[in-house]
Amino acid sequence: MTSKLAVALLAAFLLSAALCEAAVLSRMSTELRCQCIKTHSTPFHPKFIKELRVIESGPH
C-alpha cells in the first residue's frame, strides 16, 4: 500500500469518526427528555423500588 493511499484512508477514517461524534453530540443537546437506563414492562409494587434518583437539568 502506498503512503498516499494510507494517508487518504486514515484521513477518511478520522473524518467519519469526527462526523459521527458531532452527530451524537448534536442529538444530545437537542433531546432533553429522560433516557431510561433499564425499563421493566410488567407492573410492580412501589415498595420494591430500591433507589430513585432525580437529576436536575443543567450542565453535567
N, C-alpha and C. Protein backbone atom coordinates (compact mmCIF):
# COMPACT_ATOMS: atom_id res chain seq x y z
N MET A 1 0.86 -1.16 0.00
CA MET A 1 0.00 0.00 0.00
C MET A 1 0.91 1.24 0.00
N THR A 2 0.61 2.16 -0.87
CA THR A 2 1.44 3.36 -0.95
C THR A 2 1.13 4.29 0.21
N SER A 3 2.04 5.19 0.47
CA SER A 3 1.85 6.11 1.59
C SER A 3 0.70 7.08 1.34
N LYS A 4 0.48 7.46 0.08
CA LYS A 4 -0.63 8.37 -0.24
C LYS A 4 -1.97 7.70 0.04
N LEU A 5 -2.07 6.43 -0.31
CA LEU A 5 -3.30 5.69 -0.07
C LEU A 5 -3.53 5.52 1.43
N ALA A 6 -2.48 5.22 2.17
CA ALA A 6 -2.60 5.06 3.61
C ALA A 6 -3.04 6.37 4.27
N VAL A 7 -2.47 7.49 3.83
CA VAL A 7 -2.85 8.79 4.38
C VAL A 7 -4.29 9.11 4.03
N ALA A 8 -4.71 8.80 2.81
CA ALA A 8 -6.08 9.06 2.39
C ALA A 8 -7.07 8.22 3.20
N LEU A 9 -6.75 6.96 3.43
CA LEU A 9 -7.62 6.10 4.24
C LEU A 9 -7.69 6.58 5.68
N LEU A 10 -6.56 6.98 6.23
CA LEU A 10 -6.54 7.50 7.59
C LEU A 10 -7.36 8.78 7.70
N ALA A 11 -7.23 9.66 6.73
CA ALA A 11 -7.99 10.91 6.73
C ALA A 11 -9.49 10.63 6.62
N ALA A 12 -9.87 9.69 5.77
CA ALA A 12 -11.28 9.34 5.62
C ALA A 12 -11.83 8.75 6.92
N PHE A 13 -11.04 7.91 7.57
CA PHE A 13 -11.47 7.32 8.84
C PHE A 13 -11.64 8.39 9.91
N LEU A 14 -10.68 9.30 10.03
CA LEU A 14 -10.76 10.36 11.03
C LEU A 14 -11.93 11.29 10.76
N LEU A 15 -12.18 11.58 9.50
CA LEU A 15 -13.31 12.45 9.15
C LEU A 15 -14.63 11.79 9.50
N SER A 16 -14.77 10.50 9.20
CA SER A 16 -16.02 9.81 9.52
C SER A 16 -16.22 9.71 11.03
N ALA A 17 -15.14 9.49 11.77
CA ALA A 17 -15.25 9.43 13.24
C ALA A 17 -15.67 10.78 13.80
N ALA A 18 -15.11 11.85 13.26
CA ALA A 18 -15.46 13.20 13.74
C ALA A 18 -16.91 13.52 13.42
N LEU A 19 -17.38 13.14 12.25
CA LEU A 19 -18.76 13.41 11.87
C LEU A 19 -19.74 12.62 12.74
N CYS A 20 -19.40 11.37 13.04
CA CYS A 20 -20.26 10.56 13.91
C CYS A 20 -20.33 11.16 15.30
N GLU A 21 -19.21 11.59 15.84
CA GLU A 21 -19.18 12.20 17.17
C GLU A 21 -19.98 13.49 17.19
N ALA A 22 -19.88 14.28 16.13
CA ALA A 22 -20.64 15.53 16.06
C ALA A 22 -22.14 15.25 15.99
N ALA A 23 -22.52 14.20 15.28
CA ALA A 23 -23.94 13.86 15.17
C ALA A 23 -24.50 13.44 16.53
N VAL A 24 -23.74 12.68 17.28
CA VAL A 24 -24.18 12.24 18.61
C VAL A 24 -24.29 13.43 19.55
N LEU A 25 -23.31 14.31 19.53
CA LEU A 25 -23.34 15.48 20.42
C LEU A 25 -24.49 16.41 20.08
N SER A 26 -24.78 16.60 18.79
CA SER A 26 -25.88 17.48 18.42
C SER A 26 -27.22 16.87 18.82
N ARG A 27 -27.34 15.57 18.75
CA ARG A 27 -28.57 14.89 19.17
C ARG A 27 -28.77 15.04 20.67
N MET A 28 -27.69 14.93 21.43
CA MET A 28 -27.79 15.03 22.88
C MET A 28 -28.18 16.44 23.31
N SER A 29 -27.75 17.45 22.60
CA SER A 29 -28.05 18.82 23.00
C SER A 29 -29.48 19.21 22.66
N THR A 30 -30.11 18.55 21.70
CA THR A 30 -31.47 18.90 21.32
C THR A 30 -32.52 18.03 22.00
N GLU A 31 -32.14 16.85 22.44
CA GLU A 31 -33.10 15.94 23.05
C GLU A 31 -32.98 16.02 24.57
N LEU A 32 -33.93 16.71 25.20
CA LEU A 32 -33.86 16.95 26.63
C LEU A 32 -34.78 16.03 27.43
N ARG A 33 -35.31 15.00 26.79
CA ARG A 33 -36.17 14.07 27.50
C ARG A 33 -35.34 13.10 28.33
N CYS A 34 -35.99 12.50 29.32
CA CYS A 34 -35.31 11.50 30.14
C CYS A 34 -34.98 10.28 29.28
N GLN A 35 -33.88 9.66 29.59
CA GLN A 35 -33.49 8.44 28.91
C GLN A 35 -33.28 7.37 29.96
N CYS A 36 -34.13 6.36 29.94
CA CYS A 36 -34.06 5.30 30.94
C CYS A 36 -32.90 4.36 30.64
N ILE A 37 -32.20 3.98 31.69
CA ILE A 37 -31.11 3.02 31.53
C ILE A 37 -31.69 1.62 31.36
N LYS A 38 -32.65 1.28 32.22
CA LYS A 38 -33.33 -0.01 32.14
C LYS A 38 -34.83 0.24 32.23
N THR A 39 -35.59 -0.58 31.55
CA THR A 39 -37.04 -0.49 31.64
C THR A 39 -37.60 -1.84 32.08
N HIS A 40 -38.77 -1.80 32.68
CA HIS A 40 -39.43 -3.02 33.15
C HIS A 40 -40.89 -2.90 32.75
N SER A 41 -41.37 -3.80 31.92
CA SER A 41 -42.71 -3.64 31.35
C SER A 41 -43.83 -4.21 32.22
N THR A 42 -43.53 -5.09 33.15
CA THR A 42 -44.60 -5.64 33.99
C THR A 42 -44.80 -4.77 35.23
N PRO A 43 -46.04 -4.68 35.72
CA PRO A 43 -46.30 -3.85 36.90
C PRO A 43 -45.58 -4.40 38.13
N PHE A 44 -45.19 -3.50 39.03
CA PHE A 44 -44.56 -3.92 40.27
C PHE A 44 -45.00 -2.98 41.39
N HIS A 45 -44.91 -3.47 42.61
CA HIS A 45 -45.34 -2.69 43.78
C HIS A 45 -44.28 -1.63 44.10
N PRO A 46 -44.70 -0.41 44.45
CA PRO A 46 -43.73 0.66 44.75
C PRO A 46 -42.77 0.34 45.89
N LYS A 47 -43.13 -0.59 46.79
CA LYS A 47 -42.21 -0.91 47.89
C LYS A 47 -40.95 -1.61 47.39
N PHE A 48 -40.99 -2.11 46.16
CA PHE A 48 -39.82 -2.78 45.60
C PHE A 48 -38.83 -1.80 44.96
N ILE A 49 -39.16 -0.52 44.93
CA ILE A 49 -38.24 0.47 44.37
C ILE A 49 -37.12 0.68 45.37
N LYS A 50 -35.93 0.32 44.99
CA LYS A 50 -34.78 0.39 45.88
C LYS A 50 -34.18 1.80 45.89
N GLU A 51 -34.11 2.43 44.72
CA GLU A 51 -33.48 3.74 44.63
C GLU A 51 -34.11 4.52 43.49
N LEU A 52 -34.32 5.79 43.72
CA LEU A 52 -34.85 6.68 42.69
C LEU A 52 -34.04 7.96 42.74
N ARG A 53 -33.34 8.25 41.67
CA ARG A 53 -32.51 9.45 41.62
C ARG A 53 -33.11 10.44 40.64
N VAL A 54 -33.28 11.67 41.08
CA VAL A 54 -33.74 12.75 40.22
C VAL A 54 -32.56 13.69 40.02
N ILE A 55 -32.16 13.85 38.79
CA ILE A 55 -31.03 14.71 38.46
C ILE A 55 -31.58 15.97 37.82
N GLU A 56 -31.29 17.10 38.44
CA GLU A 56 -31.79 18.37 37.92
C GLU A 56 -31.14 18.69 36.58
N SER A 57 -31.85 19.46 35.79
CA SER A 57 -31.31 19.83 34.48
C SER A 57 -30.16 20.80 34.66
N GLY A 58 -29.29 20.79 33.71
CA GLY A 58 -28.13 21.68 33.75
C GLY A 58 -26.92 20.97 33.20
N PRO A 59 -25.79 21.65 33.18
CA PRO A 59 -24.58 21.02 32.65
C PRO A 59 -24.08 19.93 33.60
N HIS A 60 -23.82 18.76 33.05
CA HIS A 60 -23.35 17.64 33.89
C HIS A 60 -21.96 17.26 33.49
